[in-house]
Amino acid sequence: MMRNISLAILGMVAVAGPALAQSAGTWSAKAGYNHFFPQVKSGDITGVPNGKVEVGDGGAVFASGAYMIDDHVSAELAFGVPPKLDIEGRGSIAMAGKIADAKVWSPILMVQYRLGAPSAAFRPYVGVGVTYTRYNSVTTTPVLSMLTNPGGHTSASIDNAWGGVVQIGATYSLNEQWYIDGSVVPMRVKTTAHLSTGQSVDVKVNPVLVNIAVGYRF
């Protein structure tokens, strides 16, 4: 599914049309939809042999602002509405199903290199950057309490974490100001979830973000 979405994005931005200079000093802003596909590698929950977790996918609207440092290099800050992601049991606790959910904030700061001439309508680009991921509104289910604290309630928290980001995408100019932008953004993020029972689990979330947006140049 993720591959199909990625190909669709690249296809949409590849349609022919008018050129527009994207040169040094140009500011731009865009807004659109971003989907979050976690690629999870989970350790064991403390004291639960082979008790692992999985994180579901989710999406939300996002926005960003960018500045062309020169004719090819740009800097971009992206942020968005935090998607709510389900956390499910895996391994020996797979039958538990959903054990929690959380909202994920992940603003990203990137430096990008844009191929082609500044006057080209279609400009692929690559980027690298960093993200600071925050997990808020962590809510646990009664199933988690039954597994870890029978007769009581188990709450959870997830550590905030820095991560690395790479990006591949393209822009296509519709006219002198408006453009379409799409990108695929793999991230590397490792965090630890803590339970009120004293148990914990290390998780490599490593999401891949896939987005499509409409932008405006100033």
N, C-alpha and C. Protein backbone atom coordinates (compact mmCIF):
# COMPACT_ATOMS: atom_id res chain seq x y z
N MET A 1 0.84 -1.21 0.00
CA MET A 1 0.00 0.00 0.00
C MET A 1 0.87 1.26 0.00
N MET A 2 1.90 1.29 0.86
CA MET A 2 2.77 2.46 0.93
C MET A 2 3.46 2.72 -0.39
N ARG A 3 3.91 1.63 -1.09
CA ARG A 3 4.56 1.79 -2.38
C ARG A 3 3.60 2.37 -3.40
N ASN A 4 2.34 1.92 -3.39
CA ASN A 4 1.35 2.43 -4.34
C ASN A 4 1.10 3.92 -4.14
N ILE A 5 1.00 4.34 -2.86
CA ILE A 5 0.80 5.76 -2.56
C ILE A 5 1.99 6.57 -3.05
N SER A 6 3.22 6.06 -2.81
CA SER A 6 4.42 6.77 -3.23
C SER A 6 4.44 6.96 -4.75
N LEU A 7 4.11 5.89 -5.51
CA LEU A 7 4.09 5.99 -6.96
C LEU A 7 3.03 6.96 -7.44
N ALA A 8 1.88 6.99 -6.74
CA ALA A 8 0.82 7.91 -7.12
C ALA A 8 1.26 9.36 -6.95
N ILE A 9 1.97 9.63 -5.84
CA ILE A 9 2.46 10.99 -5.60
C ILE A 9 3.41 11.42 -6.70
N LEU A 10 4.38 10.57 -7.04
CA LEU A 10 5.35 10.92 -8.06
C LEU A 10 4.67 11.11 -9.41
N GLY A 11 3.62 10.32 -9.67
CA GLY A 11 2.88 10.48 -10.91
C GLY A 11 2.14 11.80 -10.97
N MET A 12 1.55 12.22 -9.85
CA MET A 12 0.79 13.47 -9.82
C MET A 12 1.68 14.67 -10.06
N VAL A 13 2.90 14.65 -9.48
CA VAL A 13 3.76 15.81 -9.64
C VAL A 13 4.49 15.81 -10.98
N ALA A 14 4.37 14.74 -11.76
CA ALA A 14 5.09 14.66 -13.03
C ALA A 14 4.29 15.15 -14.22
N VAL A 15 3.04 15.57 -14.02
CA VAL A 15 2.22 16.04 -15.13
C VAL A 15 2.82 17.31 -15.72
N ALA A 16 2.79 17.47 -17.04
CA ALA A 16 3.43 18.62 -17.69
C ALA A 16 2.69 19.91 -17.42
N GLY A 17 3.44 21.07 -17.47
CA GLY A 17 2.80 22.36 -17.28
C GLY A 17 3.79 23.49 -17.29
N PRO A 18 3.40 24.72 -16.86
CA PRO A 18 4.21 25.91 -17.00
C PRO A 18 5.39 25.94 -16.04
N ALA A 19 6.44 26.66 -16.44
CA ALA A 19 7.64 26.80 -15.62
C ALA A 19 7.55 28.02 -14.72
N LEU A 20 8.35 28.00 -13.66
CA LEU A 20 8.41 29.14 -12.74
C LEU A 20 9.77 29.13 -12.09
N ALA A 21 10.42 30.29 -12.01
CA ALA A 21 11.72 30.39 -11.35
C ALA A 21 11.58 30.09 -9.87
N GLN A 22 12.41 29.19 -9.38
CA GLN A 22 12.48 28.85 -7.96
C GLN A 22 13.90 29.14 -7.51
N SER A 23 14.24 30.39 -7.43
CA SER A 23 15.62 30.80 -7.25
C SER A 23 15.87 31.30 -5.84
N ALA A 24 17.12 31.68 -5.60
CA ALA A 24 17.54 32.16 -4.28
C ALA A 24 16.64 33.28 -3.78
N GLY A 25 16.25 33.20 -2.50
CA GLY A 25 15.44 34.23 -1.89
C GLY A 25 13.94 33.98 -1.94
N THR A 26 13.51 32.91 -2.62
CA THR A 26 12.08 32.59 -2.71
C THR A 26 11.58 31.94 -1.42
N TRP A 27 10.48 32.47 -0.87
CA TRP A 27 9.79 31.85 0.26
C TRP A 27 8.58 31.08 -0.27
N SER A 28 8.20 30.01 0.40
CA SER A 28 7.01 29.26 0.02
C SER A 28 6.37 28.63 1.24
N ALA A 29 5.08 28.33 1.11
CA ALA A 29 4.34 27.62 2.16
C ALA A 29 3.43 26.61 1.50
N LYS A 30 3.20 25.49 2.17
CA LYS A 30 2.32 24.47 1.60
C LYS A 30 1.51 23.81 2.71
N ALA A 31 0.40 23.18 2.32
CA ALA A 31 -0.44 22.45 3.26
C ALA A 31 -1.02 21.25 2.53
N GLY A 32 -1.21 20.16 3.27
CA GLY A 32 -1.74 18.96 2.64
C GLY A 32 -1.98 17.84 3.63
N TYR A 33 -1.88 16.62 3.13
CA TYR A 33 -2.16 15.44 3.95
C TYR A 33 -0.90 14.60 4.07
N ASN A 34 -0.64 14.12 5.28
CA ASN A 34 0.54 13.32 5.57
C ASN A 34 0.10 12.01 6.23
N HIS A 35 0.61 10.88 5.71
CA HIS A 35 0.28 9.58 6.32
C HIS A 35 1.53 8.98 6.95
N PHE A 36 1.35 8.41 8.12
CA PHE A 36 2.41 7.95 9.00
C PHE A 36 2.39 6.41 9.03
N PHE A 37 3.43 5.78 8.45
CA PHE A 37 3.51 4.32 8.39
C PHE A 37 4.66 3.83 9.29
N PRO A 38 4.40 3.44 10.53
CA PRO A 38 5.48 2.95 11.39
C PRO A 38 6.04 1.62 10.88
N GLN A 39 7.35 1.48 10.99
CA GLN A 39 8.04 0.22 10.67
C GLN A 39 8.69 -0.25 11.98
N VAL A 40 7.91 -0.93 12.81
CA VAL A 40 8.27 -1.13 14.21
C VAL A 40 9.17 -2.35 14.43
N LYS A 41 10.19 -2.14 15.27
CA LYS A 41 10.99 -3.23 15.83
C LYS A 41 10.92 -3.09 17.35
N SER A 42 10.26 -4.04 17.99
CA SER A 42 9.98 -3.93 19.42
C SER A 42 10.82 -4.90 20.23
N GLY A 43 11.31 -4.40 21.38
CA GLY A 43 11.90 -5.29 22.36
C GLY A 43 10.79 -5.95 23.17
N ASP A 44 11.16 -6.74 24.17
CA ASP A 44 10.17 -7.39 25.04
C ASP A 44 9.75 -6.46 26.16
N ILE A 45 8.49 -6.49 26.52
CA ILE A 45 8.02 -5.80 27.73
C ILE A 45 8.68 -6.47 28.93
N THR A 46 9.22 -5.67 29.82
CA THR A 46 9.91 -6.21 30.99
C THR A 46 9.05 -7.24 31.71
N GLY A 47 9.61 -8.44 31.91
CA GLY A 47 8.89 -9.49 32.63
C GLY A 47 7.86 -10.23 31.82
N VAL A 48 7.74 -9.93 30.53
CA VAL A 48 6.77 -10.62 29.67
C VAL A 48 7.54 -11.23 28.50
N PRO A 49 7.99 -12.49 28.62
CA PRO A 49 8.78 -13.11 27.56
C PRO A 49 8.08 -13.03 26.20
N ASN A 50 8.81 -12.48 25.22
CA ASN A 50 8.32 -12.32 23.85
C ASN A 50 7.05 -11.46 23.78
N GLY A 51 6.81 -10.66 24.80
CA GLY A 51 5.69 -9.73 24.78
C GLY A 51 6.11 -8.43 24.12
N LYS A 52 5.66 -8.22 22.91
CA LYS A 52 6.10 -7.07 22.11
C LYS A 52 4.92 -6.17 21.75
N VAL A 53 5.23 -5.06 21.09
CA VAL A 53 4.18 -4.14 20.68
C VAL A 53 4.31 -3.81 19.21
N GLU A 54 3.21 -3.38 18.62
CA GLU A 54 3.14 -2.90 17.24
C GLU A 54 2.42 -1.56 17.26
N VAL A 55 2.78 -0.67 16.33
CA VAL A 55 2.15 0.64 16.23
C VAL A 55 1.45 0.73 14.88
N GLY A 56 0.16 1.08 14.89
CA GLY A 56 -0.60 1.19 13.66
C GLY A 56 -0.31 2.48 12.91
N ASP A 57 -0.79 2.57 11.67
CA ASP A 57 -0.57 3.78 10.87
C ASP A 57 -1.70 4.77 11.10
N GLY A 58 -1.48 6.00 10.64
CA GLY A 58 -2.49 7.04 10.77
C GLY A 58 -2.08 8.26 9.98
N GLY A 59 -3.01 9.18 9.76
CA GLY A 59 -2.71 10.36 8.97
C GLY A 59 -3.39 11.59 9.49
N ALA A 60 -2.92 12.75 9.02
CA ALA A 60 -3.48 14.04 9.44
C ALA A 60 -2.99 15.12 8.48
N VAL A 61 -3.58 16.30 8.58
CA VAL A 61 -3.15 17.43 7.77
C VAL A 61 -1.84 17.99 8.32
N PHE A 62 -1.06 18.62 7.43
CA PHE A 62 0.20 19.22 7.85
C PHE A 62 0.45 20.49 7.04
N ALA A 63 1.44 21.27 7.49
CA ALA A 63 1.84 22.48 6.79
C ALA A 63 3.34 22.64 6.92
N SER A 64 3.92 23.44 6.03
CA SER A 64 5.36 23.70 6.13
C SER A 64 5.69 25.04 5.48
N GLY A 65 6.85 25.56 5.84
CA GLY A 65 7.38 26.76 5.22
C GLY A 65 8.80 26.49 4.76
N ALA A 66 9.19 27.03 3.60
CA ALA A 66 10.52 26.78 3.05
C ALA A 66 11.13 28.07 2.52
N TYR A 67 12.47 28.08 2.47
CA TYR A 67 13.21 29.23 1.94
C TYR A 67 14.32 28.72 1.04
N MET A 68 14.41 29.29 -0.17
CA MET A 68 15.48 28.93 -1.11
C MET A 68 16.75 29.71 -0.73
N ILE A 69 17.74 28.98 -0.21
CA ILE A 69 19.00 29.60 0.20
C ILE A 69 19.79 30.03 -1.04
N ASP A 70 19.83 29.17 -2.05
CA ASP A 70 20.34 29.55 -3.37
C ASP A 70 19.46 28.87 -4.42
N ASP A 71 19.92 28.79 -5.66
CA ASP A 71 19.06 28.25 -6.72
C ASP A 71 18.75 26.76 -6.56
N HIS A 72 19.49 26.06 -5.71
CA HIS A 72 19.29 24.62 -5.57
C HIS A 72 19.08 24.15 -4.13
N VAL A 73 19.53 24.90 -3.16
CA VAL A 73 19.47 24.47 -1.76
C VAL A 73 18.35 25.22 -1.03
N SER A 74 17.52 24.47 -0.33
CA SER A 74 16.42 25.07 0.44
C SER A 74 16.39 24.51 1.85
N ALA A 75 15.76 25.23 2.75
CA ALA A 75 15.54 24.77 4.12
C ALA A 75 14.03 24.78 4.37
N GLU A 76 13.52 23.74 5.04
CA GLU A 76 12.08 23.62 5.25
C GLU A 76 11.78 23.17 6.67
N LEU A 77 10.77 23.78 7.27
CA LEU A 77 10.25 23.36 8.57
C LEU A 77 8.82 22.87 8.38
N ALA A 78 8.56 21.61 8.74
CA ALA A 78 7.24 21.01 8.56
C ALA A 78 6.66 20.60 9.91
N PHE A 79 5.34 20.78 10.04
CA PHE A 79 4.65 20.42 11.29
C PHE A 79 3.20 20.12 10.94
N GLY A 80 2.49 19.47 11.85
CA GLY A 80 1.11 19.14 11.52
C GLY A 80 0.29 18.74 12.71
N VAL A 81 -0.97 18.46 12.44
CA VAL A 81 -1.88 17.94 13.46
C VAL A 81 -1.40 16.53 13.83
N PRO A 82 -1.24 16.22 15.12
CA PRO A 82 -0.72 14.89 15.48
C PRO A 82 -1.72 13.79 15.21
N PRO A 83 -1.34 12.76 14.45
CA PRO A 83 -2.23 11.63 14.26
C PRO A 83 -2.32 10.79 15.53
N LYS A 84 -3.47 10.16 15.76
CA LYS A 84 -3.61 9.22 16.88
C LYS A 84 -3.34 7.81 16.35
N LEU A 85 -2.36 7.15 16.95
CA LEU A 85 -1.94 5.83 16.50
C LEU A 85 -2.28 4.77 17.55
N ASP A 86 -2.81 3.65 17.09
CA ASP A 86 -3.10 2.53 17.99
C ASP A 86 -1.83 1.73 18.27
N ILE A 87 -1.70 1.27 19.50
CA ILE A 87 -0.60 0.40 19.92
C ILE A 87 -1.20 -0.95 20.28
N GLU A 88 -0.71 -2.00 19.64
CA GLU A 88 -1.27 -3.34 19.82
C GLU A 88 -0.22 -4.31 20.33
N GLY A 89 -0.69 -5.39 20.95
CA GLY A 89 0.20 -6.43 21.41
C GLY A 89 0.67 -7.31 20.26
N ARG A 90 1.90 -7.79 20.37
CA ARG A 90 2.46 -8.72 19.41
C ARG A 90 3.24 -9.80 20.16
N GLY A 91 3.69 -10.81 19.46
CA GLY A 91 4.40 -11.90 20.10
C GLY A 91 3.49 -12.68 21.02
N SER A 92 3.91 -12.88 22.26
CA SER A 92 3.14 -13.68 23.20
C SER A 92 1.86 -13.01 23.66
N ILE A 93 1.70 -11.69 23.38
CA ILE A 93 0.47 -10.99 23.79
C ILE A 93 -0.32 -10.51 22.58
N ALA A 94 -0.11 -11.16 21.43
CA ALA A 94 -0.80 -10.75 20.20
C ALA A 94 -2.31 -10.82 20.34
N MET A 95 -2.81 -11.78 21.12
CA MET A 95 -4.26 -11.93 21.28
C MET A 95 -4.88 -10.78 22.05
N ALA A 96 -4.06 -9.95 22.70
CA ALA A 96 -4.58 -8.82 23.48
C ALA A 96 -5.18 -7.75 22.58
N GLY A 97 -4.73 -7.69 21.33
CA GLY A 97 -5.22 -6.64 20.44
C GLY A 97 -4.72 -5.27 20.87
N LYS A 98 -5.57 -4.27 20.81
CA LYS A 98 -5.17 -2.91 21.16
C LYS A 98 -4.94 -2.79 22.66
N ILE A 99 -3.76 -2.27 23.04
CA ILE A 99 -3.46 -2.08 24.46
C ILE A 99 -3.30 -0.61 24.83
N ALA A 100 -3.18 0.28 23.84
CA ALA A 100 -3.04 1.72 24.12
C ALA A 100 -3.18 2.49 22.81
N ASP A 101 -3.26 3.81 22.93
CA ASP A 101 -3.10 4.68 21.77
C ASP A 101 -2.41 5.96 22.21
N ALA A 102 -1.88 6.70 21.25
CA ALA A 102 -1.14 7.92 21.57
C ALA A 102 -1.17 8.86 20.38
N LYS A 103 -1.08 10.17 20.66
CA LYS A 103 -0.92 11.16 19.61
C LYS A 103 0.58 11.45 19.43
N VAL A 104 0.99 11.58 18.17
CA VAL A 104 2.41 11.74 17.86
C VAL A 104 2.66 13.10 17.20
N TRP A 105 3.48 13.93 17.86
CA TRP A 105 3.92 15.20 17.31
C TRP A 105 5.33 15.00 16.76
N SER A 106 5.56 15.37 15.50
CA SER A 106 6.89 15.15 14.92
C SER A 106 7.27 16.26 13.95
N PRO A 107 7.51 17.49 14.44
CA PRO A 107 8.00 18.55 13.55
C PRO A 107 9.35 18.15 12.96
N ILE A 108 9.59 18.57 11.71
CA ILE A 108 10.80 18.17 11.00
C ILE A 108 11.48 19.41 10.41
N LEU A 109 12.79 19.50 10.60
CA LEU A 109 13.60 20.55 9.97
C LEU A 109 14.51 19.88 8.97
N MET A 110 14.45 20.32 7.70
CA MET A 110 15.20 19.66 6.63
C MET A 110 15.99 20.67 5.79
N VAL A 111 17.10 20.20 5.25
CA VAL A 111 17.83 20.90 4.19
C VAL A 111 17.69 20.06 2.94
N GLN A 112 17.32 20.70 1.83
CA GLN A 112 17.01 19.97 0.59
C GLN A 112 17.88 20.46 -0.57
N TYR A 113 18.15 19.54 -1.48
CA TYR A 113 18.84 19.90 -2.72
C TYR A 113 17.88 19.64 -3.87
N ARG A 114 17.59 20.68 -4.66
CA ARG A 114 16.62 20.60 -5.75
C ARG A 114 17.33 20.48 -7.08
N LEU A 115 16.97 19.44 -7.84
CA LEU A 115 17.58 19.20 -9.14
C LEU A 115 16.94 20.08 -10.21
N GLY A 116 17.62 20.20 -11.34
CA GLY A 116 17.06 20.97 -12.44
C GLY A 116 17.32 22.46 -12.31
N ALA A 117 16.94 23.17 -13.35
CA ALA A 117 17.13 24.62 -13.39
C ALA A 117 16.05 25.31 -12.56
N PRO A 118 16.34 26.51 -12.01
CA PRO A 118 15.33 27.25 -11.26
C PRO A 118 14.06 27.52 -12.05
N SER A 119 14.14 27.58 -13.37
CA SER A 119 12.97 27.87 -14.20
C SER A 119 12.16 26.62 -14.56
N ALA A 120 12.63 25.44 -14.16
CA ALA A 120 11.94 24.20 -14.52
C ALA A 120 10.61 24.08 -13.78
N ALA A 121 9.58 23.61 -14.46
CA ALA A 121 8.29 23.40 -13.81
C ALA A 121 8.34 22.20 -12.87
N PHE A 122 9.03 21.15 -13.30
CA PHE A 122 9.13 19.93 -12.49
C PHE A 122 10.53 19.84 -11.89
N ARG A 123 10.61 19.80 -10.55
CA ARG A 123 11.93 19.76 -9.90
C ARG A 123 11.93 18.68 -8.81
N PRO A 124 12.59 17.56 -9.06
CA PRO A 124 12.78 16.58 -7.99
C PRO A 124 13.74 17.15 -6.94
N TYR A 125 13.67 16.60 -5.74
CA TYR A 125 14.60 17.02 -4.69
C TYR A 125 14.86 15.89 -3.71
N VAL A 126 15.98 16.02 -3.00
CA VAL A 126 16.31 15.11 -1.90
C VAL A 126 16.63 15.97 -0.69
N GLY A 127 16.47 15.40 0.50
CA GLY A 127 16.71 16.17 1.70
C GLY A 127 17.17 15.30 2.86
N VAL A 128 17.78 15.96 3.85
CA VAL A 128 18.15 15.32 5.11
C VAL A 128 17.76 16.27 6.23
N GLY A 129 17.52 15.72 7.42
CA GLY A 129 17.14 16.59 8.52
C GLY A 129 16.98 15.86 9.84
N VAL A 130 16.32 16.54 10.77
CA VAL A 130 16.09 15.99 12.10
C VAL A 130 14.64 16.19 12.49
N THR A 131 14.18 15.35 13.40
CA THR A 131 12.84 15.50 13.97
C THR A 131 12.91 15.34 15.48
N TYR A 132 11.99 15.98 16.18
CA TYR A 132 11.84 15.76 17.62
C TYR A 132 10.44 15.24 17.85
N THR A 133 10.35 13.95 18.16
CA THR A 133 9.06 13.28 18.26
C THR A 133 8.55 13.30 19.70
N ARG A 134 7.31 13.76 19.87
CA ARG A 134 6.67 13.79 21.19
C ARG A 134 5.40 12.95 21.15
N TYR A 135 5.19 12.21 22.23
CA TYR A 135 4.03 11.34 22.34
C TYR A 135 3.13 11.88 23.45
N ASN A 136 1.93 12.31 23.09
CA ASN A 136 1.00 12.89 24.04
C ASN A 136 -0.30 12.09 24.09
N SER A 137 -1.09 12.37 25.13
CA SER A 137 -2.42 11.75 25.28
C SER A 137 -2.34 10.24 25.17
N VAL A 138 -1.37 9.65 25.88
CA VAL A 138 -1.24 8.19 25.88
C VAL A 138 -2.35 7.60 26.74
N THR A 139 -3.19 6.78 26.13
CA THR A 139 -4.34 6.17 26.82
C THR A 139 -4.23 4.65 26.73
N THR A 140 -4.34 3.98 27.87
CA THR A 140 -4.25 2.52 27.89
C THR A 140 -5.64 1.89 27.94
N THR A 141 -5.72 0.63 27.56
CA THR A 141 -6.99 -0.10 27.56
C THR A 141 -7.06 -1.01 28.78
N PRO A 142 -8.26 -1.46 29.16
CA PRO A 142 -8.39 -2.41 30.27
C PRO A 142 -7.62 -3.70 30.04
N VAL A 143 -7.42 -4.07 28.77
CA VAL A 143 -6.68 -5.29 28.47
C VAL A 143 -5.25 -5.20 28.98
N LEU A 144 -4.60 -4.05 28.81
CA LEU A 144 -3.24 -3.88 29.31
C LEU A 144 -3.20 -4.00 30.83
N SER A 145 -4.20 -3.43 31.49
CA SER A 145 -4.25 -3.54 32.95
C SER A 145 -4.41 -4.99 33.38
N MET A 146 -5.22 -5.76 32.67
CA MET A 146 -5.41 -7.16 33.01
C MET A 146 -4.11 -7.95 32.84
N LEU A 147 -3.31 -7.58 31.83
CA LEU A 147 -2.07 -8.30 31.58
C LEU A 147 -0.98 -7.96 32.58
N THR A 148 -0.93 -6.71 33.01
CA THR A 148 0.20 -6.26 33.82
C THR A 148 -0.14 -5.96 35.28
N ASN A 149 -1.43 -5.74 35.57
CA ASN A 149 -1.81 -5.33 36.93
C ASN A 149 -3.24 -5.78 37.21
N PRO A 150 -3.47 -7.12 37.29
CA PRO A 150 -4.83 -7.63 37.49
C PRO A 150 -5.50 -7.00 38.71
N GLY A 151 -6.71 -6.50 38.49
CA GLY A 151 -7.44 -5.85 39.57
C GLY A 151 -7.11 -4.38 39.74
N GLY A 152 -6.14 -3.87 39.01
CA GLY A 152 -5.76 -2.46 39.10
C GLY A 152 -5.76 -1.81 37.73
N HIS A 153 -5.20 -0.60 37.67
CA HIS A 153 -5.14 0.15 36.41
C HIS A 153 -3.69 0.43 36.06
N THR A 154 -3.33 0.19 34.81
CA THR A 154 -1.99 0.47 34.31
C THR A 154 -2.04 1.66 33.36
N SER A 155 -1.27 2.68 33.67
CA SER A 155 -1.13 3.82 32.76
C SER A 155 0.24 3.72 32.08
N ALA A 156 0.47 4.57 31.08
CA ALA A 156 1.72 4.48 30.33
C ALA A 156 2.18 5.87 29.90
N SER A 157 3.47 5.99 29.68
CA SER A 157 4.06 7.18 29.08
C SER A 157 5.11 6.74 28.07
N ILE A 158 5.41 7.60 27.11
CA ILE A 158 6.39 7.27 26.06
C ILE A 158 7.40 8.41 26.00
N ASP A 159 8.68 8.06 26.02
CA ASP A 159 9.74 9.07 26.00
C ASP A 159 9.74 9.84 24.69
N ASN A 160 9.93 11.16 24.79
CA ASN A 160 10.19 11.96 23.60
C ASN A 160 11.56 11.60 23.05
N ALA A 161 11.79 11.81 21.75
CA ALA A 161 13.06 11.37 21.17
C ALA A 161 13.42 12.17 19.92
N TRP A 162 14.72 12.41 19.74
CA TRP A 162 15.24 12.95 18.50
C TRP A 162 15.40 11.83 17.48
N GLY A 163 15.31 12.17 16.21
CA GLY A 163 15.50 11.18 15.17
C GLY A 163 16.05 11.80 13.91
N GLY A 164 16.59 10.96 13.04
CA GLY A 164 17.11 11.41 11.75
C GLY A 164 16.07 11.23 10.66
N VAL A 165 16.17 12.04 9.61
CA VAL A 165 15.18 12.07 8.54
C VAL A 165 15.89 12.16 7.19
N VAL A 166 15.41 11.41 6.20
CA VAL A 166 15.80 11.63 4.80
C VAL A 166 14.52 11.85 4.01
N GLN A 167 14.65 12.39 2.81
CA GLN A 167 13.47 12.75 2.04
C GLN A 167 13.76 12.65 0.55
N ILE A 168 12.77 12.19 -0.21
CA ILE A 168 12.81 12.26 -1.67
C ILE A 168 11.45 12.75 -2.14
N GLY A 169 11.44 13.72 -3.03
CA GLY A 169 10.16 14.27 -3.47
C GLY A 169 10.31 15.08 -4.73
N ALA A 170 9.27 15.82 -5.07
CA ALA A 170 9.29 16.66 -6.27
C ALA A 170 8.21 17.73 -6.15
N THR A 171 8.45 18.85 -6.83
CA THR A 171 7.45 19.90 -6.95
C THR A 171 7.11 20.09 -8.42
N TYR A 172 5.88 20.53 -8.66
CA TYR A 172 5.43 20.84 -10.02
C TYR A 172 4.65 22.15 -9.99
N SER A 173 5.13 23.13 -10.76
CA SER A 173 4.51 24.46 -10.78
C SER A 173 3.25 24.46 -11.64
N LEU A 174 2.15 24.95 -11.05
CA LEU A 174 0.89 25.09 -11.77
C LEU A 174 0.80 26.44 -12.48
N ASN A 175 1.33 27.48 -11.84
CA ASN A 175 1.40 28.82 -12.42
C ASN A 175 2.51 29.57 -11.69
N GLU A 176 2.49 30.90 -11.71
CA GLU A 176 3.58 31.67 -11.14
C GLU A 176 3.69 31.55 -9.63
N GLN A 177 2.59 31.25 -8.94
CA GLN A 177 2.65 31.12 -7.49
C GLN A 177 2.35 29.70 -6.99
N TRP A 178 1.37 29.04 -7.58
CA TRP A 178 0.88 27.78 -7.02
C TRP A 178 1.65 26.57 -7.56
N TYR A 179 1.80 25.56 -6.70
CA TYR A 179 2.50 24.34 -7.10
C TYR A 179 1.97 23.14 -6.30
N ILE A 180 2.26 21.95 -6.82
CA ILE A 180 1.96 20.70 -6.13
C ILE A 180 3.27 20.09 -5.65
N ASP A 181 3.25 19.52 -4.47
CA ASP A 181 4.45 18.93 -3.89
C ASP A 181 4.11 17.56 -3.30
N GLY A 182 4.97 16.58 -3.51
CA GLY A 182 4.80 15.27 -2.89
C GLY A 182 6.14 14.72 -2.46
N SER A 183 6.17 14.01 -1.34
CA SER A 183 7.44 13.45 -0.89
C SER A 183 7.22 12.21 -0.05
N VAL A 184 8.29 11.41 0.06
CA VAL A 184 8.35 10.24 0.93
C VAL A 184 9.48 10.50 1.91
N VAL A 185 9.21 10.34 3.22
CA VAL A 185 10.15 10.75 4.26
C VAL A 185 10.38 9.60 5.25
N PRO A 186 11.40 8.77 5.06
CA PRO A 186 11.75 7.78 6.08
C PRO A 186 12.41 8.45 7.29
N MET A 187 12.04 7.99 8.47
CA MET A 187 12.59 8.52 9.72
C MET A 187 13.17 7.38 10.55
N ARG A 188 14.14 7.69 11.39
CA ARG A 188 14.71 6.73 12.32
C ARG A 188 14.54 7.28 13.73
N VAL A 189 13.63 6.67 14.48
CA VAL A 189 13.30 7.14 15.82
C VAL A 189 13.23 5.96 16.78
N LYS A 190 13.95 6.04 17.88
CA LYS A 190 13.91 5.00 18.91
C LYS A 190 13.41 5.62 20.21
N THR A 191 12.51 4.92 20.89
CA THR A 191 11.96 5.44 22.14
C THR A 191 11.72 4.30 23.12
N THR A 192 11.30 4.66 24.33
CA THR A 192 10.97 3.67 25.35
C THR A 192 9.62 4.01 25.96
N ALA A 193 8.75 3.01 26.04
CA ALA A 193 7.46 3.18 26.71
C ALA A 193 7.58 2.66 28.14
N HIS A 194 7.01 3.42 29.09
CA HIS A 194 7.07 3.07 30.51
C HIS A 194 5.66 2.84 31.04
N LEU A 195 5.47 1.75 31.78
CA LEU A 195 4.20 1.45 32.41
C LEU A 195 4.24 1.83 33.88
N SER A 196 3.09 2.17 34.43
CA SER A 196 3.01 2.55 35.83
C SER A 196 3.36 1.39 36.77
N THR A 197 3.38 0.18 36.23
CA THR A 197 3.75 -1.01 37.01
C THR A 197 5.27 -1.16 37.14
N GLY A 198 6.03 -0.27 36.52
CA GLY A 198 7.48 -0.34 36.54
C GLY A 198 8.06 -1.06 35.34
N GLN A 199 7.23 -1.61 34.50
CA GLN A 199 7.70 -2.30 33.30
C GLN A 199 7.97 -1.30 32.18
N SER A 200 8.76 -1.72 31.21
CA SER A 200 9.07 -0.85 30.07
C SER A 200 9.32 -1.70 28.83
N VAL A 201 9.35 -1.03 27.67
CA VAL A 201 9.66 -1.72 26.41
C VAL A 201 10.34 -0.73 25.48
N ASP A 202 11.46 -1.13 24.90
CA ASP A 202 12.18 -0.31 23.92
C ASP A 202 11.60 -0.56 22.54
N VAL A 203 11.38 0.52 21.79
CA VAL A 203 10.74 0.40 20.49
C VAL A 203 11.45 1.28 19.46
N LYS A 204 11.82 0.68 18.33
CA LYS A 204 12.25 1.45 17.17
C LYS A 204 11.01 1.66 16.30
N VAL A 205 10.53 2.89 16.25
CA VAL A 205 9.30 3.17 15.50
C VAL A 205 9.59 3.28 14.00
N ASN A 206 10.65 4.01 13.64
CA ASN A 206 11.13 4.12 12.26
C ASN A 206 10.02 4.31 11.23
N PRO A 207 9.21 5.36 11.37
CA PRO A 207 8.10 5.55 10.43
C PRO A 207 8.56 6.02 9.06
N VAL A 208 7.72 5.77 8.07
CA VAL A 208 7.87 6.37 6.75
C VAL A 208 6.66 7.28 6.54
N LEU A 209 6.92 8.56 6.28
CA LEU A 209 5.85 9.52 6.04
C LEU A 209 5.66 9.69 4.54
N VAL A 210 4.42 9.68 4.10
CA VAL A 210 4.09 9.89 2.69
C VAL A 210 3.09 11.05 2.63
N ASN A 211 3.41 12.09 1.87
CA ASN A 211 2.54 13.27 1.87
C ASN A 211 2.36 13.86 0.49
N ILE A 212 1.26 14.58 0.36
CA ILE A 212 0.93 15.34 -0.85
C ILE A 212 0.37 16.69 -0.41
N ALA A 213 0.76 17.76 -1.09
CA ALA A 213 0.38 19.09 -0.63
C ALA A 213 0.25 20.05 -1.80
N VAL A 214 -0.43 21.16 -1.54
CA VAL A 214 -0.51 22.30 -2.46
C VAL A 214 0.23 23.46 -1.84
N GLY A 215 1.08 24.15 -2.61
CA GLY A 215 1.89 25.22 -2.05
C GLY A 215 1.74 26.53 -2.80
N TYR A 216 2.27 27.59 -2.16
CA TYR A 216 2.19 28.95 -2.71
C TYR A 216 3.54 29.63 -2.49
N ARG A 217 4.07 30.27 -3.53
CA ARG A 217 5.36 30.97 -3.44
C ARG A 217 5.13 32.48 -3.28
N PHE A 218 6.03 33.09 -2.52
CA PHE A 218 5.95 34.53 -2.26
C PHE A 218 7.09 35.27 -2.96
